[in-house]
Amino acid sequence: MLTIKIVTILLGLVFILFGYFIYFKGKYNLINGFEDDYKSGRKDEYYAKKVGLIEFILGFLLLIIAVLLIIFK
C-alpha cells in the first residue's frame, strides 16, 4: 500500500508540473508531435492549452487521492 501512495504522489506532482509548463508557460514542445501538427495545421494552441489544463487538473486530483489514501489507510 505504501508503494501505491508514493506512486500516486509522484504521478500527481509530474502531472502538475507538465500541466503548469504547458498551460501557463507555453512549452508546447512537451506534447508529443505537437510542433509538427501545429505547422501542418492539424492542431492549434487551443488544443495545447486544453491538454495542459487537463494535465494540471489531473495532477491535483491525484494528489488529493494520495492524501486521502494516507489519511484513511
PDB file of N, CA and C in Angstrom:
ATOM      1  N   MET A   1       0.818  -1.190   0.000  1.00  0.00           N
ATOM      2  CA  MET A   1       0.000   0.000   0.000  1.00  0.00           C
ATOM      3  C   MET A   1       0.873   1.271   0.000  1.00  0.00           C
ATOM      4  N   LEU A   2       2.029   1.155   0.619  1.00  0.00           N
ATOM      5  CA  LEU A   2       2.943   2.292   0.647  1.00  0.00           C
ATOM      6  C   LEU A   2       3.404   2.670  -0.763  1.00  0.00           C
ATOM      7  N   THR A   3       3.652   1.668  -1.600  1.00  0.00           N
ATOM      8  CA  THR A   3       4.099   1.965  -2.968  1.00  0.00           C
ATOM      9  C   THR A   3       3.002   2.658  -3.763  1.00  0.00           C
ATOM     10  N   ILE A   4       1.757   2.300  -3.532  1.00  0.00           N
ATOM     11  CA  ILE A   4       0.648   2.960  -4.233  1.00  0.00           C
ATOM     12  C   ILE A   4       0.581   4.426  -3.838  1.00  0.00           C
ATOM     13  N   LYS A   5       0.777   4.717  -2.573  1.00  0.00           N
ATOM     14  CA  LYS A   5       0.761   6.103  -2.105  1.00  0.00           C
ATOM     15  C   LYS A   5       1.902   6.902  -2.718  1.00  0.00           C
ATOM     16  N   ILE A   6       3.091   6.318  -2.740  1.00  0.00           N
ATOM     17  CA  ILE A   6       4.257   7.016  -3.300  1.00  0.00           C
ATOM     18  C   ILE A   6       4.079   7.258  -4.796  1.00  0.00           C
ATOM     19  N   VAL A   7       3.620   6.245  -5.516  1.00  0.00           N
ATOM     20  CA  VAL A   7       3.421   6.383  -6.960  1.00  0.00           C
ATOM     21  C   VAL A   7       2.352   7.422  -7.260  1.00  0.00           C
ATOM     22  N   THR A   8       1.278   7.434  -6.481  1.00  0.00           N
ATOM     23  CA  THR A   8       0.206   8.408  -6.694  1.00  0.00           C
ATOM     24  C   THR A   8       0.698   9.828  -6.445  1.00  0.00           C
ATOM     25  N   ILE A   9       1.479  10.022  -5.409  1.00  0.00           N
ATOM     26  CA  ILE A   9       2.033  11.352  -5.132  1.00  0.00           C
ATOM     27  C   ILE A   9       2.975  11.789  -6.256  1.00  0.00           C
ATOM     28  N   LEU A  10       3.851  10.894  -6.685  1.00  0.00           N
ATOM     29  CA  LEU A  10       4.793  11.249  -7.755  1.00  0.00           C
ATOM     30  C   LEU A  10       4.074  11.547  -9.067  1.00  0.00           C
ATOM     31  N   LEU A  11       3.077  10.729  -9.403  1.00  0.00           N
ATOM     32  CA  LEU A  11       2.316  10.996 -10.628  1.00  0.00           C
ATOM     33  C   LEU A  11       1.588  12.332 -10.545  1.00  0.00           C
ATOM     34  N   GLY A  12       1.028  12.622  -9.389  1.00  0.00           N
ATOM     35  CA  GLY A  12       0.354  13.907  -9.216  1.00  0.00           C
ATOM     36  C   GLY A  12       1.293  15.072  -9.421  1.00  0.00           C
ATOM     37  N   LEU A  13       2.481  14.981  -8.841  1.00  0.00           N
ATOM     38  CA  LEU A  13       3.457  16.060  -8.995  1.00  0.00           C
ATOM     39  C   LEU A  13       3.928  16.206 -10.437  1.00  0.00           C
ATOM     40  N   VAL A  14       4.144  15.084 -11.101  1.00  0.00           N
ATOM     41  CA  VAL A  14       4.591  15.134 -12.502  1.00  0.00           C
ATOM     42  C   VAL A  14       3.509  15.751 -13.391  1.00  0.00           C
ATOM     43  N   PHE A  15       2.256  15.344 -13.189  1.00  0.00           N
ATOM     44  CA  PHE A  15       1.175  15.907 -13.995  1.00  0.00           C
ATOM     45  C   PHE A  15       1.003  17.393 -13.717  1.00  0.00           C
ATOM     46  N   ILE A  16       1.145  17.801 -12.469  1.00  0.00           N
ATOM     47  CA  ILE A  16       1.044  19.226 -12.159  1.00  0.00           C
ATOM     48  C   ILE A  16       2.155  20.005 -12.854  1.00  0.00           C
ATOM     49  N   LEU A  17       3.375  19.496 -12.800  1.00  0.00           N
ATOM     50  CA  LEU A  17       4.495  20.198 -13.442  1.00  0.00           C
ATOM     51  C   LEU A  17       4.321  20.294 -14.952  1.00  0.00           C
ATOM     52  N   PHE A  18       3.968  19.173 -15.581  1.00  0.00           N
ATOM     53  CA  PHE A  18       3.775  19.205 -17.026  1.00  0.00           C
ATOM     54  C   PHE A  18       2.612  20.115 -17.409  1.00  0.00           C
ATOM     55  N   GLY A  19       1.516  20.026 -16.668  1.00  0.00           N
ATOM     56  CA  GLY A  19       0.375  20.890 -16.943  1.00  0.00           C
ATOM     57  C   GLY A  19       0.711  22.353 -16.771  1.00  0.00           C
ATOM     58  N   TYR A  20       1.476  22.667 -15.736  1.00  0.00           N
ATOM     59  CA  TYR A  20       1.889  24.051 -15.497  1.00  0.00           C
ATOM     60  C   TYR A  20       2.756  24.570 -16.640  1.00  0.00           C
ATOM     61  N   PHE A  21       3.741  23.774 -17.023  1.00  0.00           N
ATOM     62  CA  PHE A  21       4.634  24.227 -18.092  1.00  0.00           C
ATOM     63  C   PHE A  21       3.898  24.368 -19.423  1.00  0.00           C
ATOM     64  N   ILE A  22       2.964  23.490 -19.706  1.00  0.00           N
ATOM     65  CA  ILE A  22       2.239  23.577 -20.970  1.00  0.00           C
ATOM     66  C   ILE A  22       1.222  24.708 -20.935  1.00  0.00           C
ATOM     67  N   TYR A  23       0.399  24.773 -19.892  1.00  0.00           N
ATOM     68  CA  TYR A  23      -0.709  25.726 -19.859  1.00  0.00           C
ATOM     69  C   TYR A  23      -0.247  27.156 -19.566  1.00  0.00           C
ATOM     70  N   PHE A  24       0.590  27.326 -18.553  1.00  0.00           N
ATOM     71  CA  PHE A  24       0.958  28.671 -18.136  1.00  0.00           C
ATOM     72  C   PHE A  24       2.222  29.193 -18.816  1.00  0.00           C
ATOM     73  N   LYS A  25       3.184  28.336 -19.073  1.00  0.00           N
ATOM     74  CA  LYS A  25       4.449  28.773 -19.648  1.00  0.00           C
ATOM     75  C   LYS A  25       4.510  28.630 -21.172  1.00  0.00           C
ATOM     76  N   GLY A  26       3.566  27.895 -21.761  1.00  0.00           N
ATOM     77  CA  GLY A  26       3.527  27.768 -23.215  1.00  0.00           C
ATOM     78  C   GLY A  26       4.594  26.869 -23.797  1.00  0.00           C
ATOM     79  N   LYS A  27       5.067  25.915 -23.046  1.00  0.00           N
ATOM     80  CA  LYS A  27       6.081  24.980 -23.560  1.00  0.00           C
ATOM     81  C   LYS A  27       5.362  23.827 -24.270  1.00  0.00           C
ATOM     82  N   TYR A  28       4.914  24.106 -25.475  1.00  0.00           N
ATOM     83  CA  TYR A  28       4.128  23.129 -26.226  1.00  0.00           C
ATOM     84  C   TYR A  28       4.966  21.972 -26.746  1.00  0.00           C
ATOM     85  N   ASN A  29       6.280  22.097 -26.694  1.00  0.00           N
ATOM     86  CA  ASN A  29       7.134  21.003 -27.152  1.00  0.00           C
ATOM     87  C   ASN A  29       7.066  19.800 -26.214  1.00  0.00           C
ATOM     88  N   LEU A  30       6.436  19.942 -25.036  1.00  0.00           N
ATOM     89  CA  LEU A  30       6.258  18.819 -24.126  1.00  0.00           C
ATOM     90  C   LEU A  30       5.166  17.861 -24.601  1.00  0.00           C
ATOM     91  N   ILE A  31       4.362  18.299 -25.556  1.00  0.00           N
ATOM     92  CA  ILE A  31       3.323  17.445 -26.133  1.00  0.00           C
ATOM     93  C   ILE A  31       3.932  16.742 -27.341  1.00  0.00           C
ATOM     94  N   ASN A  32       3.868  15.429 -27.349  1.00  0.00           N
ATOM     95  CA  ASN A  32       4.489  14.648 -28.427  1.00  0.00           C
ATOM     96  C   ASN A  32       3.903  14.995 -29.785  1.00  0.00           C
ATOM     97  N   GLY A  33       4.747  15.385 -30.710  1.00  0.00           N
ATOM     98  CA  GLY A  33       4.346  15.637 -32.085  1.00  0.00           C
ATOM     99  C   GLY A  33       3.541  16.896 -32.298  1.00  0.00           C
ATOM    100  N   PHE A  34       3.424  17.746 -31.282  1.00  0.00           N
ATOM    101  CA  PHE A  34       2.584  18.934 -31.423  1.00  0.00           C
ATOM    102  C   PHE A  34       3.161  19.930 -32.417  1.00  0.00           C
ATOM    103  N   GLU A  35       4.466  20.131 -32.390  1.00  0.00           N
ATOM    104  CA  GLU A  35       5.065  21.142 -33.262  1.00  0.00           C
ATOM    105  C   GLU A  35       4.860  20.801 -34.734  1.00  0.00           C
ATOM    106  N   ASP A  36       4.996  19.517 -35.083  1.00  0.00           N
ATOM    107  CA  ASP A  36       4.766  19.116 -36.474  1.00  0.00           C
ATOM    108  C   ASP A  36       3.298  19.267 -36.848  1.00  0.00           C
ATOM    109  N   ASP A  37       2.399  18.876 -35.940  1.00  0.00           N
ATOM    110  CA  ASP A  37       0.966  19.011 -36.206  1.00  0.00           C
ATOM    111  C   ASP A  37       0.548  20.475 -36.260  1.00  0.00           C
ATOM    112  N   TYR A  38       1.183  21.320 -35.473  1.00  0.00           N
ATOM    113  CA  TYR A  38       0.882  22.745 -35.485  1.00  0.00           C
ATOM    114  C   TYR A  38       1.313  23.385 -36.803  1.00  0.00           C
ATOM    115  N   LYS A  39       2.486  22.985 -37.280  1.00  0.00           N
ATOM    116  CA  LYS A  39       2.979  23.532 -38.554  1.00  0.00           C
ATOM    117  C   LYS A  39       2.115  23.096 -39.728  1.00  0.00           C
ATOM    118  N   SER A  40       1.602  21.871 -39.658  1.00  0.00           N
ATOM    119  CA  SER A  40       0.765  21.385 -40.755  1.00  0.00           C
ATOM    120  C   SER A  40      -0.690  21.822 -40.616  1.00  0.00           C
ATOM    121  N   GLY A  41      -1.051  22.438 -39.499  1.00  0.00           N
ATOM    122  CA  GLY A  41      -2.398  22.964 -39.325  1.00  0.00           C
ATOM    123  C   GLY A  41      -3.394  21.986 -38.721  1.00  0.00           C
ATOM    124  N   ARG A  42      -2.945  20.831 -38.282  1.00  0.00           N
ATOM    125  CA  ARG A  42      -3.876  19.852 -37.709  1.00  0.00           C
ATOM    126  C   ARG A  42      -4.276  20.200 -36.284  1.00  0.00           C
ATOM    127  N   LYS A  43      -3.399  20.866 -35.546  1.00  0.00           N
ATOM    128  CA  LYS A  43      -3.679  21.237 -34.160  1.00  0.00           C
ATOM    129  C   LYS A  43      -3.319  22.697 -33.962  1.00  0.00           C
ATOM    130  N   ASP A  44      -4.005  23.334 -32.988  1.00  0.00           N
ATOM    131  CA  ASP A  44      -3.736  24.737 -32.720  1.00  0.00           C
ATOM    132  C   ASP A  44      -3.393  24.936 -31.243  1.00  0.00           C
ATOM    133  N   GLU A  45      -3.193  26.194 -30.853  1.00  0.00           N
ATOM    134  CA  GLU A  45      -2.816  26.484 -29.479  1.00  0.00           C
ATOM    135  C   GLU A  45      -3.935  26.156 -28.496  1.00  0.00           C
ATOM    136  N   TYR A  46      -5.170  26.244 -28.948  1.00  0.00           N
ATOM    137  CA  TYR A  46      -6.299  25.889 -28.085  1.00  0.00           C
ATOM    138  C   TYR A  46      -6.196  24.438 -27.640  1.00  0.00           C
ATOM    139  N   TYR A  47      -5.807  23.569 -28.549  1.00  0.00           N
ATOM    140  CA  TYR A  47      -5.614  22.150 -28.213  1.00  0.00           C
ATOM    141  C   TYR A  47      -4.526  21.997 -27.153  1.00  0.00           C
ATOM    142  N   ALA A  48      -3.424  22.696 -27.322  1.00  0.00           N
ATOM    143  CA  ALA A  48      -2.313  22.590 -26.376  1.00  0.00           C
ATOM    144  C   ALA A  48      -2.723  23.121 -25.003  1.00  0.00           C
ATOM    145  N   LYS A  49      -3.444  24.225 -24.974  1.00  0.00           N
ATOM    146  CA  LYS A  49      -3.914  24.773 -23.703  1.00  0.00           C
ATOM    147  C   LYS A  49      -4.853  23.786 -23.009  1.00  0.00           C
ATOM    148  N   LYS A  50      -5.700  23.147 -23.789  1.00  0.00           N
ATOM    149  CA  LYS A  50      -6.644  22.187 -23.225  1.00  0.00           C
ATOM    150  C   LYS A  50      -5.910  20.979 -22.637  1.00  0.00           C
ATOM    151  N   VAL A  51      -4.898  20.493 -23.336  1.00  0.00           N
ATOM    152  CA  VAL A  51      -4.095  19.371 -22.837  1.00  0.00           C
ATOM    153  C   VAL A  51      -3.381  19.774 -21.549  1.00  0.00           C
ATOM    154  N   GLY A  52      -2.814  20.965 -21.513  1.00  0.00           N
ATOM    155  CA  GLY A  52      -2.125  21.439 -20.319  1.00  0.00           C
ATOM    156  C   GLY A  52      -3.055  21.576 -19.130  1.00  0.00           C
ATOM    157  N   LEU A  53      -4.253  22.099 -19.362  1.00  0.00           N
ATOM    158  CA  LEU A  53      -5.217  22.262 -18.276  1.00  0.00           C
ATOM    159  C   LEU A  53      -5.696  20.913 -17.750  1.00  0.00           C
ATOM    160  N   ILE A  54      -5.920  19.973 -18.644  1.00  0.00           N
ATOM    161  CA  ILE A  54      -6.340  18.632 -18.222  1.00  0.00           C
ATOM    162  C   ILE A  54      -5.253  17.978 -17.377  1.00  0.00           C
ATOM    163  N   GLU A  55      -4.011  18.090 -17.786  1.00  0.00           N
ATOM    164  CA  GLU A  55      -2.919  17.510 -17.010  1.00  0.00           C
ATOM    165  C   GLU A  55      -2.779  18.198 -15.655  1.00  0.00           C
ATOM    166  N   PHE A  56      -2.950  19.504 -15.627  1.00  0.00           N
ATOM    167  CA  PHE A  56      -2.851  20.258 -14.385  1.00  0.00           C
ATOM    168  C   PHE A  56      -3.930  19.816 -13.395  1.00  0.00           C
ATOM    169  N   ILE A  57      -5.155  19.718 -13.866  1.00  0.00           N
ATOM    170  CA  ILE A  57      -6.271  19.294 -13.009  1.00  0.00           C
ATOM    171  C   ILE A  57      -6.099  17.845 -12.580  1.00  0.00           C
ATOM    172  N   LEU A  58      -5.685  16.995 -13.489  1.00  0.00           N
ATOM    173  CA  LEU A  58      -5.468  15.589 -13.159  1.00  0.00           C
ATOM    174  C   LEU A  58      -4.383  15.425 -12.095  1.00  0.00           C
ATOM    175  N   GLY A  59      -3.369  16.242 -12.140  1.00  0.00           N
ATOM    176  CA  GLY A  59      -2.320  16.208 -11.127  1.00  0.00           C
ATOM    177  C   GLY A  59      -2.856  16.544  -9.747  1.00  0.00           C
ATOM    178  N   PHE A  60      -3.701  17.574  -9.675  1.00  0.00           N
ATOM    179  CA  PHE A  60      -4.284  17.916  -8.386  1.00  0.00           C
ATOM    180  C   PHE A  60      -5.222  16.822  -7.883  1.00  0.00           C
ATOM    181  N   LEU A  61      -5.965  16.218  -8.775  1.00  0.00           N
ATOM    182  CA  LEU A  61      -6.846  15.124  -8.364  1.00  0.00           C
ATOM    183  C   LEU A  61      -6.048  13.943  -7.820  1.00  0.00           C
ATOM    184  N   LEU A  62      -4.945  13.625  -8.469  1.00  0.00           N
ATOM    185  CA  LEU A  62      -4.096  12.536  -7.977  1.00  0.00           C
ATOM    186  C   LEU A  62      -3.487  12.862  -6.620  1.00  0.00           C
ATOM    187  N   LEU A  63      -3.106  14.105  -6.416  1.00  0.00           N
ATOM    188  CA  LEU A  63      -2.572  14.485  -5.106  1.00  0.00           C
ATOM    189  C   LEU A  63      -3.645  14.407  -4.028  1.00  0.00           C
ATOM    190  N   ILE A  64      -4.857  14.798  -4.347  1.00  0.00           N
ATOM    191  CA  ILE A  64      -5.954  14.696  -3.384  1.00  0.00           C
ATOM    192  C   ILE A  64      -6.229  13.239  -3.048  1.00  0.00           C
ATOM    193  N   ILE A  65      -6.221  12.390  -4.053  1.00  0.00           N
ATOM    194  CA  ILE A  65      -6.414  10.957  -3.815  1.00  0.00           C
ATOM    195  C   ILE A  65      -5.297  10.405  -2.933  1.00  0.00           C
ATOM    196  N   ALA A  66      -4.073  10.828  -3.181  1.00  0.00           N
ATOM    197  CA  ALA A  66      -2.950  10.357  -2.373  1.00  0.00           C
ATOM    198  C   ALA A  66      -3.090  10.789  -0.922  1.00  0.00           C
ATOM    199  N   VAL A  67      -3.514  12.024  -0.700  1.00  0.00           N
ATOM    200  CA  VAL A  67      -3.708  12.499   0.667  1.00  0.00           C
ATOM    201  C   VAL A  67      -4.821  11.714   1.342  1.00  0.00           C
ATOM    202  N   LEU A  68      -5.900  11.444   0.624  1.00  0.00           N
ATOM    203  CA  LEU A  68      -6.988  10.654   1.195  1.00  0.00           C
ATOM    204  C   LEU A  68      -6.529   9.238   1.509  1.00  0.00           C
ATOM    205  N   LEU A  69      -5.695   8.666   0.663  1.00  0.00           N
ATOM    206  CA  LEU A  69      -5.147   7.337   0.958  1.00  0.00           C
ATOM    207  C   LEU A  69      -4.283   7.345   2.208  1.00  0.00           C
ATOM    208  N   ILE A  70      -3.506   8.398   2.367  1.00  0.00           N
ATOM    209  CA  ILE A  70      -2.648   8.500   3.541  1.00  0.00           C
ATOM    210  C   ILE A  70      -3.491   8.649   4.809  1.00  0.00           C
ATOM    211  N   ILE A  71      -4.553   9.444   4.724  1.00  0.00           N
ATOM    212  CA  ILE A  71      -5.372   9.699   5.908  1.00  0.00           C
ATOM    213  C   ILE A  71      -6.198   8.471   6.298  1.00  0.00           C
ATOM    214  N   PHE A  72      -6.814   7.815   5.328  1.00  0.00           N
ATOM    215  CA  PHE A  72      -7.786   6.781   5.647  1.00  0.00           C
ATOM    216  C   PHE A  72      -7.243   5.350   5.610  1.00  0.00           C
ATOM    217  N   LYS A  73      -6.017   5.150   5.215  1.00  0.00           N
ATOM    218  CA  LYS A  73      -5.484   3.783   5.186  1.00  0.00           C
ATOM    219  C   LYS A  73      -4.310   3.638   6.099  1.00  0.00           C
TER     220      LYS A  73
END
